Amino acid sequence: MGRILFVDDDTDALETYVKAVSLANHNADVASSAIDGWEMIQDTEYDLIFVDLNIPEVSGFELIEKLSQDENTKAIPVVVISALPEDDLIDEVLSAGAKLFLEKPVALVDLFSVIEKFNTESSK
């Protein structure tokens, strides 16, 4: 897989994700807010984006909607990582454009499974 972006304000989680995906030979960037993430997406081509919903300033949900409505980003798979597993919320983020919902804390095996899923789909 090319580049992966993690948008989350949990620095411990970000550090774990980046170390793990780097060990698996993936390139990862991090943003601690939706605004920072959006700016990074404008400058770098990403193959997969993980977004937490509960982030400062602009919510992850709003970022997902923006990504799914923009011609340049709507094809990038977005996966939600959140500690808010309410069924209604899951349906809402999937309707907004997210491809999957992972509940925090995310096991690394699940993270790698998702990366592999989208890596396989993008190489078809």
C-alpha atoms as a PDB file:
ATOM      1  CA  MET A   1       0.000   0.000   0.000  1.00  0.00           C
ATOM      2  CA  GLY A   2       1.184   3.521  -0.678  1.00  0.00           C
ATOM      3  CA  ARG A   3       0.427   6.139   1.959  1.00  0.00           C
ATOM      4  CA  ILE A   4      -1.897   5.927   4.919  1.00  0.00           C
ATOM      5  CA  LEU A   5      -3.155   8.909   6.915  1.00  0.00           C
ATOM      6  CA  PHE A   6      -4.344   8.650  10.526  1.00  0.00           C
ATOM      7  CA  VAL A   7      -6.455  11.563  11.786  1.00  0.00           C
ATOM      8  CA  ASP A   8      -6.777  11.307  15.561  1.00  0.00           C
ATOM      9  CA  ASP A   9      -5.978  13.498  18.567  1.00  0.00           C
ATOM     10  CA  ASP A  10      -4.901  10.508  20.685  1.00  0.00           C
ATOM     11  CA  THR A  11      -1.100  10.772  20.411  1.00  0.00           C
ATOM     12  CA  ASP A  12      -0.515   7.392  22.058  1.00  0.00           C
ATOM     13  CA  ALA A  13      -2.778   5.652  19.562  1.00  0.00           C
ATOM     14  CA  LEU A  14      -1.160   7.511  16.661  1.00  0.00           C
ATOM     15  CA  GLU A  15       2.307   6.481  17.805  1.00  0.00           C
ATOM     16  CA  THR A  16       1.226   2.838  18.015  1.00  0.00           C
ATOM     17  CA  TYR A  17      -0.452   2.891  14.583  1.00  0.00           C
ATOM     18  CA  VAL A  18       2.516   4.530  12.871  1.00  0.00           C
ATOM     19  CA  LYS A  19       5.064   2.175  14.425  1.00  0.00           C
ATOM     20  CA  ALA A  20       2.979  -0.855  13.532  1.00  0.00           C
ATOM     21  CA  VAL A  21       2.296   0.069   9.914  1.00  0.00           C
ATOM     22  CA  SER A  22       5.897   1.202   9.418  1.00  0.00           C
ATOM     23  CA  LEU A  23       7.140  -2.204  10.578  1.00  0.00           C
ATOM     24  CA  ALA A  24       4.873  -3.696   7.932  1.00  0.00           C
ATOM     25  CA  ASN A  25       6.525  -1.480   5.280  1.00  0.00           C
ATOM     26  CA  HIS A  26       3.648   0.972   4.860  1.00  0.00           C
ATOM     27  CA  ASN A  27       4.102   4.745   4.858  1.00  0.00           C
ATOM     28  CA  ALA A  28       2.009   6.564   7.433  1.00  0.00           C
ATOM     29  CA  ASP A  29       1.332  10.201   8.238  1.00  0.00           C
ATOM     30  CA  VAL A  30      -0.606  11.614  11.176  1.00  0.00           C
ATOM     31  CA  ALA A  31      -2.823  14.614  11.777  1.00  0.00           C
ATOM     32  CA  SER A  32      -4.209  15.588  15.158  1.00  0.00           C
ATOM     33  CA  SER A  33      -7.238  17.447  13.777  1.00  0.00           C
ATOM     34  CA  ALA A  34      -9.560  17.321  10.788  1.00  0.00           C
ATOM     35  CA  ILE A  35      -8.225  20.690   9.620  1.00  0.00           C
ATOM     36  CA  ASP A  36      -4.628  19.430   9.666  1.00  0.00           C
ATOM     37  CA  GLY A  37      -5.749  16.213   7.981  1.00  0.00           C
ATOM     38  CA  TRP A  38      -7.566  18.084   5.218  1.00  0.00           C
ATOM     39  CA  GLU A  39      -4.496  20.234   4.552  1.00  0.00           C
ATOM     40  CA  MET A  40      -2.289  17.144   4.356  1.00  0.00           C
ATOM     41  CA  ILE A  41      -4.725  15.476   1.959  1.00  0.00           C
ATOM     42  CA  GLN A  42      -4.471  18.498  -0.357  1.00  0.00           C
ATOM     43  CA  ASP A  43      -0.671  18.118  -0.520  1.00  0.00           C
ATOM     44  CA  THR A  44      -0.208  14.336  -0.480  1.00  0.00           C
ATOM     45  CA  GLU A  45      -1.900  11.469  -2.278  1.00  0.00           C
ATOM     46  CA  TYR A  46      -3.239   8.913   0.218  1.00  0.00           C
ATOM     47  CA  ASP A  47      -4.432   5.396  -0.473  1.00  0.00           C
ATOM     48  CA  LEU A  48      -6.275   4.943   2.829  1.00  0.00           C
ATOM     49  CA  ILE A  49      -7.415   7.296   5.586  1.00  0.00           C
ATOM     50  CA  PHE A  50      -8.299   6.372   9.172  1.00  0.00           C
ATOM     51  CA  VAL A  51     -10.390   8.978  11.018  1.00  0.00           C
ATOM     52  CA  ASP A  52     -11.447   9.275  14.644  1.00  0.00           C
ATOM     53  CA  LEU A  53     -14.853  10.934  15.038  1.00  0.00           C
ATOM     54  CA  ASN A  54     -14.163  12.758  18.274  1.00  0.00           C
ATOM     55  CA  ILE A  55     -11.410  15.200  17.306  1.00  0.00           C
ATOM     56  CA  PRO A  56     -11.039  18.926  18.049  1.00  0.00           C
ATOM     57  CA  GLU A  57     -12.414  21.849  16.036  1.00  0.00           C
ATOM     58  CA  VAL A  58     -14.025  20.013  13.116  1.00  0.00           C
ATOM     59  CA  SER A  59     -15.408  16.540  13.816  1.00  0.00           C
ATOM     60  CA  GLY A  60     -14.214  13.440  12.044  1.00  0.00           C
ATOM     61  CA  PHE A  61     -17.745  13.025  10.742  1.00  0.00           C
ATOM     62  CA  GLU A  62     -17.536  16.408   9.007  1.00  0.00           C
ATOM     63  CA  LEU A  63     -14.163  15.442   7.517  1.00  0.00           C
ATOM     64  CA  ILE A  64     -15.628  12.213   6.147  1.00  0.00           C
ATOM     65  CA  GLU A  65     -18.493  14.130   4.528  1.00  0.00           C
ATOM     66  CA  LYS A  66     -16.051  16.608   3.004  1.00  0.00           C
ATOM     67  CA  LEU A  67     -13.842  13.818   1.661  1.00  0.00           C
ATOM     68  CA  SER A  68     -16.791  11.960   0.138  1.00  0.00           C
ATOM     69  CA  GLN A  69     -18.089  15.104  -1.614  1.00  0.00           C
ATOM     70  CA  ASP A  70     -14.775  16.284  -3.074  1.00  0.00           C
ATOM     71  CA  GLU A  71     -13.973  15.014  -6.585  1.00  0.00           C
ATOM     72  CA  ASN A  72     -10.270  14.636  -5.737  1.00  0.00           C
ATOM     73  CA  THR A  73     -10.792  12.603  -2.551  1.00  0.00           C
ATOM     74  CA  LYS A  74     -14.072  10.708  -2.822  1.00  0.00           C
ATOM     75  CA  ALA A  75     -12.374   7.555  -4.144  1.00  0.00           C
ATOM     76  CA  ILE A  76     -10.017   7.285  -1.154  1.00  0.00           C
ATOM     77  CA  PRO A  77     -11.294   4.662   1.314  1.00  0.00           C
ATOM     78  CA  VAL A  78     -12.000   6.110   4.762  1.00  0.00           C
ATOM     79  CA  VAL A  79     -12.142   3.927   7.851  1.00  0.00           C
ATOM     80  CA  VAL A  80     -13.521   5.254  11.132  1.00  0.00           C
ATOM     81  CA  ILE A  81     -11.726   4.390  14.351  1.00  0.00           C
ATOM     82  CA  SER A  82     -13.825   5.467  17.311  1.00  0.00           C
ATOM     83  CA  ALA A  83     -14.723   4.666  20.875  1.00  0.00           C
ATOM     84  CA  LEU A  84     -18.332   5.615  20.061  1.00  0.00           C
ATOM     85  CA  PRO A  85     -19.775   2.298  18.793  1.00  0.00           C
ATOM     86  CA  GLU A  86     -23.466   3.207  18.781  1.00  0.00           C
ATOM     87  CA  ASP A  87     -25.326   1.414  15.973  1.00  0.00           C
ATOM     88  CA  ASP A  88     -27.000   4.611  14.740  1.00  0.00           C
ATOM     89  CA  LEU A  89     -23.644   6.330  14.563  1.00  0.00           C
ATOM     90  CA  ILE A  90     -22.120   3.469  12.596  1.00  0.00           C
ATOM     91  CA  ASP A  91     -24.929   3.672  10.028  1.00  0.00           C
ATOM     92  CA  GLU A  92     -24.523   7.452   9.871  1.00  0.00           C
ATOM     93  CA  VAL A  93     -20.763   7.413   9.148  1.00  0.00           C
ATOM     94  CA  LEU A  94     -21.159   4.646   6.581  1.00  0.00           C
ATOM     95  CA  SER A  95     -23.876   6.709   4.888  1.00  0.00           C
ATOM     96  CA  ALA A  96     -21.555   9.728   4.947  1.00  0.00           C
ATOM     97  CA  GLY A  97     -18.921   7.842   2.982  1.00  0.00           C
ATOM     98  CA  ALA A  98     -16.814   5.782   5.390  1.00  0.00           C
ATOM     99  CA  LYS A  99     -16.136   2.213   4.254  1.00  0.00           C
ATOM    100  CA  LEU A 100     -15.703   0.586   7.676  1.00  0.00           C
ATOM    101  CA  PHE A 101     -16.058   1.292  11.388  1.00  0.00           C
ATOM    102  CA  LEU A 102     -13.502  -0.018  13.901  1.00  0.00           C
ATOM    103  CA  GLU A 103     -14.120   0.296  17.618  1.00  0.00           C
ATOM    104  CA  LYS A 104     -11.313   1.607  19.838  1.00  0.00           C
ATOM    105  CA  PRO A 105      -9.087   0.203  21.073  1.00  0.00           C
ATOM    106  CA  VAL A 106      -8.198  -1.325  17.721  1.00  0.00           C
ATOM    107  CA  ALA A 107      -6.222  -4.543  17.785  1.00  0.00           C
ATOM    108  CA  LEU A 108      -3.244  -4.360  15.458  1.00  0.00           C
ATOM    109  CA  VAL A 109      -4.347  -7.566  13.744  1.00  0.00           C
ATOM    110  CA  ASP A 110      -7.618  -5.787  12.838  1.00  0.00           C
ATOM    111  CA  LEU A 111      -5.734  -2.721  11.633  1.00  0.00           C
ATOM    112  CA  PHE A 112      -3.550  -4.866   9.370  1.00  0.00           C
ATOM    113  CA  SER A 113      -6.570  -6.775   8.139  1.00  0.00           C
ATOM    114  CA  VAL A 114      -8.229  -3.535   7.033  1.00  0.00           C
ATOM    115  CA  ILE A 115      -5.044  -2.291   5.361  1.00  0.00           C
ATOM    116  CA  GLU A 116      -4.686  -5.592   3.520  1.00  0.00           C
ATOM    117  CA  LYS A 117      -8.351  -5.506   2.471  1.00  0.00           C
ATOM    118  CA  PHE A 118      -7.996  -2.102   0.822  1.00  0.00           C
ATOM    119  CA  ASN A 119      -4.539  -2.881  -0.518  1.00  0.00           C
ATOM    120  CA  THR A 120      -5.956  -5.966  -2.247  1.00  0.00           C
ATOM    121  CA  GLU A 121      -8.968  -4.049  -3.577  1.00  0.00           C
ATOM    122  CA  SER A 122      -6.822  -1.226  -4.957  1.00  0.00           C
ATOM    123  CA  SER A 123      -4.530  -3.622  -6.798  1.00  0.00           C
ATOM    124  CA  LYS A 124      -7.403  -5.320  -8.685  1.00  0.00           C
END
